[in-house]
Amino acid sequence: MTPGSDDPGRPEAPVARPERALTVRVAGIGGTGVVTTAHLLAWAALLDGVDVWGLDQTGLSQKAGPVISDLRIGPGATDRSNVLGEGELALL
């Protein structure tokens, strides 16, 4: 079935509409999967008309080091810095 078609056997997927921007941190080793995952989430938000702002911290990823991608998703996401402050993380 295509999206938006009438299929009585399949419920419509719920869509979250946050009242404020939520913060997401994707973390891992090496970088490729972390950055790709964060960018896929960001693109999905943008395609749905949701504000998104991100920051990739790759550092020593070429030496099997830690990689972190932070995303701020939702209304007002672009109104402030994309760096997460203490206590702002909603999803890791």
Protein backbone atom coordinates (compact mmCIF):
# COMPACT_ATOMS: atom_id res chain seq x y z
CA MET A 1 0.00 0.00 0.00
CA THR A 2 1.14 3.52 -0.64
CA PRO A 3 1.17 6.14 2.11
CA GLY A 4 -2.19 7.82 2.48
CA SER A 5 -4.16 4.99 0.87
CA ASP A 6 -7.24 3.55 2.52
CA ASP A 7 -6.22 0.20 4.03
CA PRO A 8 -8.64 -0.85 6.77
CA GLY A 9 -6.28 -3.60 7.98
CA ARG A 10 -3.35 -1.33 8.79
CA PRO A 11 -3.46 1.48 11.37
CA GLU A 12 -1.86 4.79 10.52
CA ALA A 13 1.58 5.29 12.06
CA PRO A 14 1.65 7.82 14.90
CA VAL A 15 3.60 11.02 14.32
CA ALA A 16 5.16 12.86 17.24
CA ARG A 17 4.65 16.62 17.28
CA PRO A 18 6.76 17.92 20.18
CA GLU A 19 5.87 21.28 21.70
CA ARG A 20 9.56 22.15 22.07
CA ALA A 21 12.82 21.02 20.55
CA LEU A 22 14.13 17.66 21.79
CA THR A 23 17.78 16.70 21.86
CA VAL A 24 19.19 13.43 20.52
CA ARG A 25 22.77 12.18 20.87
CA VAL A 26 24.05 9.38 18.62
CA ALA A 27 27.36 7.99 19.91
CA GLY A 28 29.73 5.26 18.78
CA ILE A 29 33.20 4.34 17.56
CA GLY A 30 34.55 4.98 14.08
CA GLY A 31 32.11 7.54 12.74
CA THR A 32 30.45 6.28 9.56
CA GLY A 33 27.39 4.68 11.19
CA VAL A 34 27.02 7.42 13.80
CA VAL A 35 27.10 10.30 11.31
CA THR A 36 24.90 8.44 8.80
CA THR A 37 22.29 7.64 11.47
CA ALA A 38 22.20 11.25 12.66
CA HIS A 39 21.92 12.59 9.11
CA LEU A 40 19.09 10.16 8.28
CA LEU A 41 17.16 11.36 11.35
CA ALA A 42 17.82 14.98 10.36
CA TRP A 43 16.66 14.42 6.77
CA ALA A 44 13.52 12.65 7.95
CA ALA A 45 12.70 15.61 10.19
CA LEU A 46 13.37 18.12 7.41
CA LEU A 47 11.23 16.19 4.92
CA ASP A 48 8.39 16.25 7.47
CA GLY A 49 8.75 20.03 7.89
CA VAL A 50 10.30 19.86 11.38
CA ASP A 51 13.17 22.16 12.38
CA VAL A 52 16.48 20.37 12.98
CA TRP A 53 19.99 21.50 13.90
CA GLY A 54 22.99 19.22 14.26
CA LEU A 55 26.64 18.98 15.23
CA ASP A 56 29.01 16.11 14.37
CA GLN A 57 32.03 15.63 16.64
CA THR A 58 34.30 13.20 14.80
CA GLY A 59 37.65 14.02 16.44
CA LEU A 60 39.86 10.92 16.38
CA SER A 61 37.42 8.71 14.45
CA GLN A 62 40.15 7.67 11.98
CA LYS A 63 42.00 6.10 14.91
CA ALA A 64 38.96 4.13 16.16
CA GLY A 65 38.07 6.95 18.53
CA PRO A 66 34.69 8.13 19.82
CA VAL A 67 32.22 9.93 17.56
CA ILE A 68 29.19 11.91 18.72
CA SER A 69 26.43 13.50 16.66
CA ASP A 70 24.04 15.80 18.48
CA LEU A 71 20.67 16.76 17.01
CA ARG A 72 18.10 19.25 18.19
CA ILE A 73 14.74 18.38 16.59
CA GLY A 74 11.44 20.24 16.87
CA PRO A 75 10.02 23.74 17.05
CA GLY A 76 12.70 26.33 17.74
CA ALA A 77 15.58 23.91 17.09
CA THR A 78 17.45 26.51 15.05
CA ASP A 79 16.88 29.38 17.50
CA ARG A 80 19.93 28.60 19.62
CA SER A 81 23.24 26.77 19.66
CA ASN A 82 23.30 23.13 18.59
CA VAL A 83 25.70 22.25 21.43
CA LEU A 84 23.87 20.40 24.19
CA GLY A 85 23.96 21.78 27.69
CA GLU A 86 23.84 19.92 30.99
CA GLY A 87 20.54 18.11 31.48
CA GLU A 88 19.29 18.74 27.92
CA LEU A 89 19.65 15.23 26.50
CA ALA A 90 16.29 13.61 25.71
CA LEU A 91 17.51 10.50 23.87
CA LEU A 92 20.89 8.72 23.73
